Amino acid sequence: MRMLKKVQMLFDKYLELKSVPKLVQYLKENEIKTKTDKYFSKGQLYHLLSNKVYIGKITHKDKIYDGEHEAIICDEIFEKVQKLLYENKVDKTCGVKSSSNSLLAGLIYDDLGNKMTPSHSNNHGRRYRYYISRALKNNEETGSVSKVPAGEVEQFIVETTKEFLKDKEQIQNIVSEYKIRKQNKLIYTAQNIQDYSEPKLIRTIIHKIMVSKNLIEITYNGASIKKVLNALANNQEIVISDKSEELTPIVTSKNIKITQPSRNDNILILNAKEYDTSAPNPYLVNAIVKSFYYHKQIQTGKTIEDLQAEEGLKDSKYIRNILNLKYISPKLTEQILNGTQPKELSLQKLINLK
């Protein structure tokens, strides 16, 4: 079989079998080998199936350019394969197809922006799951929380998400572009989801989770919520979104308290509603501080583009939004710095204030 036809066959067969291990087995059974006359390994197939060379592109230093060679796989087939590879990877990571059940893997970060990864320990025959900051593993500076128990934080996120989706006003704002009849249908759907802990639901609508000692901030993706509700309303399967898809951030913050049972026990317990007391929101405080900093930099002669480059941002929208926070009322600024701001005030709502 010529290499051109072999590559096309591999893409088509993967879409048919929907599994790289199954594809490896199929190739062995049919004596289909590499050009060096060896059987394909899983690693080789993952690399081949995600290689943009086959759609006429070249990659250099994480940037993608048009190549001078012709594509041998059409964009539609390539995108379908990438989507399936991504979904299979997420399923494996979040526990849809594994016993690790790390629901929030890839979503959860400490308040210094370090990703928190699944880990576990065994004690007296029992297995305990955690999310641990990568910075801790690398002996680097961690946020105010470096380790949280997986079960507690997962339950908290599920309960918060259920509360979020059952909020009629919140959902109506998300689906307001539709006609009233469809809005009502989607609001009803959001309130009657069969399982709010379904991994595909959680991992599709949540973009990011930030954990600090006193606060958990969840960023939902409004665009993904609309897709999920439309799918469920039409009895269709939820398709996990690629993180490169459109992001319409909706941020919700919840006060928490993390306690340590004993000096010798490093298990952290999350308590949410029982300790839902007023506390400074570090994300709001940081935004206010940055606003004053940006204005000071502009007074010294820097431009918005300079600040954009300094922050490593693709556009200036974030800089402009933060600059505008200097003009919110002094009373609200004082409340944010003191932690007495309205409980429901998130960074997104603060930015949208006129």
Protein backbone atom coordinates (compact mmCIF):
# COMPACT_ATOMS: atom_id res chain seq x y z
CA MET A 1 0.00 0.00 0.00
CA ARG A 2 1.44 3.37 -1.02
CA MET A 3 2.12 5.82 1.82
CA LEU A 4 -0.48 8.31 0.55
CA LYS A 5 -3.27 5.73 0.59
CA LYS A 6 -2.01 4.28 3.88
CA VAL A 7 -2.25 7.64 5.66
CA GLN A 8 -5.75 8.24 4.29
CA MET A 9 -6.75 4.73 5.39
CA LEU A 10 -5.43 5.37 8.93
CA PHE A 11 -7.51 8.54 9.30
CA ASP A 12 -10.65 6.86 7.94
CA LYS A 13 -10.17 3.73 10.05
CA TYR A 14 -9.63 5.73 13.23
CA LEU A 15 -12.93 7.53 12.69
CA GLU A 16 -14.57 4.16 12.18
CA LEU A 17 -13.01 2.39 15.20
CA LYS A 18 -12.91 5.52 17.41
CA SER A 19 -9.91 4.16 19.36
CA VAL A 20 -6.15 4.15 18.82
CA PRO A 21 -5.68 0.78 20.66
CA LYS A 22 -8.34 -0.75 18.41
CA LEU A 23 -6.60 0.73 15.38
CA VAL A 24 -3.28 -0.82 16.51
CA GLN A 25 -5.01 -4.19 16.77
CA TYR A 26 -6.65 -3.82 13.35
CA LEU A 27 -3.32 -3.00 11.70
CA LYS A 28 -1.65 -6.03 13.28
CA GLU A 29 -4.45 -8.34 12.23
CA ASN A 30 -4.20 -7.10 8.66
CA GLU A 31 -0.39 -7.06 8.51
CA ILE A 32 -0.28 -3.32 7.79
CA LYS A 33 3.12 -1.94 8.81
CA THR A 34 5.27 1.20 8.72
CA LYS A 35 7.65 1.92 5.85
CA THR A 36 10.39 0.32 7.98
CA ASP A 37 8.32 -2.90 8.05
CA LYS A 38 7.40 -2.64 11.73
CA TYR A 39 3.99 -2.62 13.36
CA PHE A 40 2.57 0.78 14.26
CA SER A 41 2.78 1.71 17.94
CA LYS A 42 0.15 3.78 19.74
CA GLY A 43 2.62 6.67 20.02
CA GLN A 44 3.30 6.64 16.28
CA LEU A 45 -0.41 6.68 15.51
CA TYR A 46 -1.18 9.54 17.93
CA HIS A 47 1.61 11.57 16.29
CA LEU A 48 0.51 10.70 12.76
CA LEU A 49 -3.18 11.44 13.38
CA SER A 50 -2.41 14.89 14.82
CA ASN A 51 0.28 15.86 12.29
CA LYS A 52 -0.74 19.01 10.39
CA VAL A 53 1.67 18.11 7.58
CA TYR A 54 -1.12 16.01 6.10
CA ILE A 55 -3.38 19.07 5.67
CA GLY A 56 -0.64 21.09 3.97
CA LYS A 57 0.63 22.92 7.06
CA ILE A 58 3.98 23.07 8.81
CA THR A 59 4.65 23.80 12.49
CA HIS A 60 7.64 25.70 13.82
CA LYS A 61 8.10 26.85 17.42
CA ASP A 62 4.38 26.37 18.20
CA LYS A 63 3.37 28.48 15.18
CA ILE A 64 1.52 27.06 12.18
CA TYR A 65 2.29 28.12 8.59
CA ASP A 66 1.00 27.16 5.15
CA GLY A 67 3.34 24.64 3.58
CA GLU A 68 4.39 24.40 -0.05
CA HIS A 69 3.17 20.80 -0.30
CA GLU A 70 -0.34 19.60 -1.14
CA ALA A 71 -2.70 18.32 1.52
CA ILE A 72 -3.51 14.62 1.45
CA ILE A 73 -6.19 14.81 4.15
CA CYS A 74 -9.08 17.25 3.83
CA ASP A 75 -9.69 19.75 6.64
CA GLU A 76 -13.06 18.23 7.52
CA ILE A 77 -11.64 14.73 8.11
CA PHE A 78 -8.64 16.14 10.02
CA GLU A 79 -10.87 18.21 12.33
CA LYS A 80 -13.12 15.22 13.02
CA VAL A 81 -10.06 13.18 13.98
CA GLN A 82 -8.70 15.94 16.25
CA LYS A 83 -12.07 16.25 17.97
CA LEU A 84 -12.23 12.50 18.57
CA LEU A 85 -8.63 12.42 19.84
CA TYR A 86 -9.44 15.26 22.22
CA GLU A 87 -12.65 13.64 23.50
CA ASN A 88 -10.91 10.31 24.08
CA LYS A 89 -8.10 12.08 25.94
CA VAL A 90 -10.56 13.98 28.14
CA ASP A 91 -12.62 10.85 28.83
CA LYS A 92 -9.48 9.05 29.96
CA THR A 93 -8.31 11.96 32.08
CA CYS A 94 -11.59 12.81 33.79
CA GLY A 95 -12.59 9.27 34.55
CA VAL A 96 -15.35 8.62 32.03
CA LYS A 97 -13.39 5.55 31.00
CA SER A 98 -11.01 5.16 33.91
CA SER A 99 -11.08 4.38 37.60
CA SER A 100 -9.12 7.48 38.59
CA ASN A 101 -12.28 9.63 38.27
CA SER A 102 -10.38 12.94 38.23
CA LEU A 103 -13.35 15.05 37.21
CA LEU A 104 -11.54 18.40 37.30
CA ALA A 105 -8.21 17.41 35.73
CA GLY A 106 -6.99 20.19 33.44
CA LEU A 107 -9.53 22.69 34.83
CA ILE A 108 -8.34 23.47 38.35
CA TYR A 109 -5.58 25.96 39.32
CA ASP A 110 -4.23 27.53 42.50
CA ASP A 111 -4.50 31.30 42.95
CA LEU A 112 -1.03 31.89 41.46
CA GLY A 113 -2.17 30.26 38.22
CA ASN A 114 -0.39 26.95 38.75
CA LYS A 115 -2.28 23.96 37.36
CA MET A 116 -3.36 21.44 39.99
CA THR A 117 -2.98 17.83 38.89
CA PRO A 118 -4.53 14.59 40.20
CA SER A 119 -2.58 12.62 42.80
CA HIS A 120 -3.34 10.00 45.43
CA SER A 121 -2.02 8.33 48.56
CA ASN A 122 -2.76 5.03 50.27
CA ASN A 123 -3.31 4.83 54.01
CA HIS A 124 -4.36 1.68 55.89
CA GLY A 125 -5.67 0.13 52.70
CA ARG A 126 -7.70 3.19 51.69
CA ARG A 127 -6.97 5.32 48.63
CA TYR A 128 -7.22 9.10 48.98
CA ARG A 129 -7.38 11.36 45.91
CA TYR A 130 -6.09 14.93 45.76
CA TYR A 131 -5.40 17.77 43.37
CA ILE A 132 -1.87 19.06 43.97
CA SER A 133 -0.30 22.23 42.58
CA ARG A 134 2.39 21.49 40.01
CA ALA A 135 4.47 24.21 41.66
CA LEU A 136 4.64 22.07 44.82
CA LYS A 137 5.96 19.13 42.83
CA ASN A 138 8.53 21.40 41.16
CA ASN A 139 9.61 23.05 44.45
CA GLU A 140 8.31 26.41 43.22
CA GLU A 141 6.09 29.01 44.88
CA THR A 142 2.50 27.82 45.26
CA GLY A 143 -0.69 29.75 45.83
CA SER A 144 -2.44 30.00 49.20
CA VAL A 145 -3.59 26.38 48.75
CA SER A 146 -1.25 23.76 47.32
CA LYS A 147 -3.35 20.64 47.88
CA VAL A 148 -7.10 19.92 48.05
CA PRO A 149 -9.01 16.66 48.49
CA ALA A 150 -10.49 15.61 45.17
CA GLY A 151 -13.80 14.29 46.47
CA GLU A 152 -14.68 17.42 48.44
CA VAL A 153 -13.76 19.93 45.73
CA GLU A 154 -15.49 17.87 43.01
CA GLN A 155 -18.69 17.69 45.05
CA PHE A 156 -18.50 21.43 45.71
CA ILE A 157 -18.10 22.20 41.99
CA VAL A 158 -20.99 19.90 41.05
CA GLU A 159 -23.30 21.49 43.66
CA THR A 160 -22.31 25.01 42.60
CA THR A 161 -22.85 24.12 38.94
CA LYS A 162 -26.29 22.67 39.73
CA GLU A 163 -27.20 25.88 41.57
CA PHE A 164 -25.89 27.93 38.63
CA LEU A 165 -27.88 26.01 36.00
CA LYS A 166 -31.09 26.10 38.07
CA ASP A 167 -30.90 29.91 38.27
CA LYS A 168 -33.61 30.92 35.76
CA GLU A 169 -32.42 34.52 35.47
CA GLN A 170 -28.83 33.44 34.85
CA ILE A 171 -29.81 31.00 32.10
CA GLN A 172 -32.24 33.47 30.51
CA ASN A 173 -29.37 35.97 30.14
CA ILE A 174 -27.28 33.28 28.42
CA VAL A 175 -30.03 32.27 25.94
CA SER A 176 -31.57 35.74 25.45
CA GLU A 177 -30.76 35.75 21.71
CA TYR A 178 -33.45 33.12 21.11
CA LYS A 179 -37.21 33.59 20.83
CA ILE A 180 -39.21 33.41 24.05
CA ARG A 181 -40.53 29.92 23.36
CA LYS A 182 -37.04 28.50 22.88
CA GLN A 183 -35.71 30.42 25.90
CA ASN A 184 -38.36 28.76 28.08
CA LYS A 185 -37.47 25.35 26.66
CA LEU A 186 -33.76 25.80 27.43
CA ILE A 187 -34.45 27.21 30.92
CA TYR A 188 -36.66 24.17 31.63
CA THR A 189 -33.91 21.88 30.30
CA ALA A 190 -31.29 23.50 32.57
CA GLN A 191 -33.51 22.98 35.62
CA ASN A 192 -34.22 19.33 34.85
CA ILE A 193 -30.84 17.85 33.93
CA GLN A 194 -30.82 14.23 35.00
CA ASP A 195 -27.26 14.16 36.37
CA TYR A 196 -25.44 17.41 37.19
CA SER A 197 -22.30 15.41 38.01
CA GLU A 198 -22.02 14.00 34.48
CA PRO A 199 -18.33 14.49 33.53
CA LYS A 200 -19.08 15.61 29.98
CA LEU A 201 -21.45 18.28 31.31
CA ILE A 202 -18.98 19.61 33.89
CA ARG A 203 -15.97 19.55 31.57
CA THR A 204 -17.83 21.15 28.67
CA ILE A 205 -19.35 24.16 30.41
CA ILE A 206 -16.51 24.95 32.86
CA HIS A 207 -13.52 26.77 31.42
CA LYS A 208 -11.42 27.19 34.55
CA ILE A 209 -11.48 26.82 38.35
CA MET A 210 -9.26 28.90 40.65
CA VAL A 211 -8.83 27.81 44.26
CA SER A 212 -7.55 30.00 47.11
CA LYS A 213 -7.68 29.62 50.87
CA ASN A 214 -10.94 31.55 51.19
CA LEU A 215 -12.46 31.44 47.72
CA ILE A 216 -13.21 29.30 44.71
CA GLU A 217 -13.82 31.11 41.43
CA ILE A 218 -15.44 29.16 38.59
CA THR A 219 -15.37 30.48 35.03
CA TYR A 220 -18.21 29.01 32.98
CA ASN A 221 -18.36 29.28 29.19
CA GLY A 222 -21.70 30.77 28.15
CA ALA A 223 -21.21 29.63 24.55
CA SER A 224 -20.70 26.04 25.69
CA ILE A 225 -23.71 26.20 28.01
CA LYS A 226 -25.91 27.15 25.04
CA LYS A 227 -24.57 24.23 23.01
CA VAL A 228 -25.13 21.79 25.87
CA LEU A 229 -28.67 22.98 26.58
CA ASN A 230 -29.56 22.80 22.89
CA ALA A 231 -28.19 19.27 22.70
CA LEU A 232 -30.05 18.10 25.81
CA ALA A 233 -33.28 19.79 24.73
CA ASN A 234 -33.11 17.79 21.49
CA ASN A 235 -32.12 14.52 23.22
CA GLN A 236 -28.65 14.64 21.68
CA GLU A 237 -25.35 13.60 23.24
CA ILE A 238 -23.14 16.25 24.83
CA VAL A 239 -20.00 16.81 22.76
CA ILE A 240 -17.01 18.04 24.78
CA SER A 241 -15.82 21.37 23.39
CA ASP A 242 -12.27 21.94 22.30
CA LYS A 243 -10.67 24.63 24.48
CA SER A 244 -9.86 26.63 21.33
CA GLU A 245 -13.56 27.18 20.69
CA GLU A 246 -15.38 30.44 21.43
CA LEU A 247 -15.20 31.56 25.06
CA THR A 248 -17.93 33.66 26.64
CA PRO A 249 -16.76 33.83 30.27
CA ILE A 250 -19.25 33.92 33.13
CA VAL A 251 -17.47 34.05 36.48
CA THR A 252 -19.01 33.01 39.79
CA SER A 253 -17.22 33.21 43.14
CA LYS A 254 -17.92 31.25 46.33
CA ASN A 255 -16.39 31.83 49.74
CA ILE A 256 -14.96 28.73 51.38
CA LYS A 257 -13.00 27.71 54.43
CA ILE A 258 -10.34 25.01 54.36
CA THR A 259 -9.55 23.35 57.65
CA GLN A 260 -6.91 20.85 58.75
CA PRO A 261 -8.23 18.12 61.08
CA SER A 262 -4.98 17.65 63.00
CA ARG A 263 -1.33 18.62 62.98
CA ASN A 264 -0.30 15.22 61.62
CA ASP A 265 -3.09 14.92 59.07
CA ASN A 266 -2.69 16.75 55.77
CA ILE A 267 -6.24 16.06 54.55
CA LEU A 268 -7.93 19.35 53.74
CA ILE A 269 -11.68 19.64 54.18
CA LEU A 270 -13.72 22.07 52.12
CA ASN A 271 -16.73 23.65 53.79
CA ALA A 272 -18.72 25.99 51.61
CA LYS A 273 -22.11 27.25 52.76
CA GLU A 274 -21.40 26.87 56.48
CA TYR A 275 -18.55 29.35 56.17
CA ASP A 276 -19.97 31.64 53.50
CA THR A 277 -18.82 34.85 55.16
CA SER A 278 -17.61 38.14 53.79
CA ALA A 279 -13.97 38.15 52.66
CA PRO A 280 -11.90 40.15 50.15
CA ASN A 281 -12.15 38.64 46.69
CA PRO A 282 -8.51 38.33 45.53
CA TYR A 283 -9.49 38.52 41.84
CA LEU A 284 -11.48 41.75 42.32
CA VAL A 285 -8.76 43.26 44.49
CA ASN A 286 -6.11 42.31 41.92
CA ALA A 287 -8.17 43.92 39.14
CA ILE A 288 -8.53 47.19 41.09
CA VAL A 289 -4.81 47.28 41.89
CA LYS A 290 -3.94 46.57 38.25
CA SER A 291 -6.25 49.37 37.09
CA PHE A 292 -4.36 51.93 39.15
CA TYR A 293 -1.04 50.43 38.03
CA TYR A 294 -2.00 50.64 34.34
CA HIS A 295 -3.09 54.26 34.70
CA LYS A 296 0.18 55.12 36.41
CA GLN A 297 2.14 53.45 33.59
CA ILE A 298 0.17 55.40 30.97
CA GLN A 299 0.93 58.64 32.82
CA THR A 300 4.64 57.83 32.47
CA GLY A 301 4.24 57.58 28.68
CA LYS A 302 3.44 53.93 28.07
CA THR A 303 0.69 53.03 25.60
CA ILE A 304 -2.06 50.43 25.86
CA GLU A 305 -0.12 48.42 23.28
CA ASP A 306 2.94 48.53 25.56
CA LEU A 307 0.88 47.15 28.45
CA GLN A 308 -0.62 44.53 26.15
CA ALA A 309 2.87 43.36 25.16
CA GLU A 310 3.98 43.42 28.81
CA GLU A 311 1.09 41.13 29.77
CA GLY A 312 1.59 38.90 26.72
CA LEU A 313 -2.02 39.37 25.52
CA LYS A 314 -3.30 38.85 21.97
CA ASP A 315 -5.48 41.96 22.02
CA SER A 316 -6.03 45.03 24.18
CA LYS A 317 -9.58 44.22 25.38
CA TYR A 318 -8.48 43.04 28.83
CA ILE A 319 -6.24 46.10 29.36
CA ARG A 320 -9.05 48.49 28.36
CA ASN A 321 -11.56 46.72 30.63
CA ILE A 322 -9.20 46.89 33.61
CA LEU A 323 -8.37 50.55 32.92
CA ASN A 324 -12.09 51.38 33.13
CA LEU A 325 -12.27 50.00 36.67
CA LYS A 326 -10.55 53.15 37.93
CA TYR A 327 -13.81 54.99 37.24
CA ILE A 328 -16.13 52.86 39.36
CA SER A 329 -17.47 54.59 42.47
CA PRO A 330 -15.01 55.16 45.33
CA LYS A 331 -17.52 53.47 47.65
CA LEU A 332 -17.53 50.26 45.60
CA THR A 333 -13.74 50.35 45.33
CA GLU A 334 -13.53 50.61 49.14
CA GLN A 335 -16.00 47.73 49.56
CA ILE A 336 -13.93 45.50 47.27
CA LEU A 337 -10.72 46.27 49.13
CA ASN A 338 -12.45 45.62 52.47
CA GLY A 339 -14.24 42.48 51.33
CA THR A 340 -17.71 43.96 51.93
CA GLN A 341 -18.73 44.12 48.26
CA PRO A 342 -22.07 42.53 47.16
CA LYS A 343 -21.78 38.77 47.50
CA GLU A 344 -22.76 38.09 43.88
CA LEU A 345 -20.25 40.59 42.40
CA SER A 346 -17.82 38.81 40.07
CA LEU A 347 -15.03 40.28 37.94
CA GLN A 348 -17.19 39.94 34.82
CA LYS A 349 -20.07 41.82 36.46
CA LEU A 350 -17.65 44.48 37.70
CA ILE A 351 -16.27 44.99 34.19
CA ASN A 352 -19.81 45.31 32.80
CA LEU A 353 -20.74 48.06 35.25
CA LYS A 354 -21.23 51.38 33.55
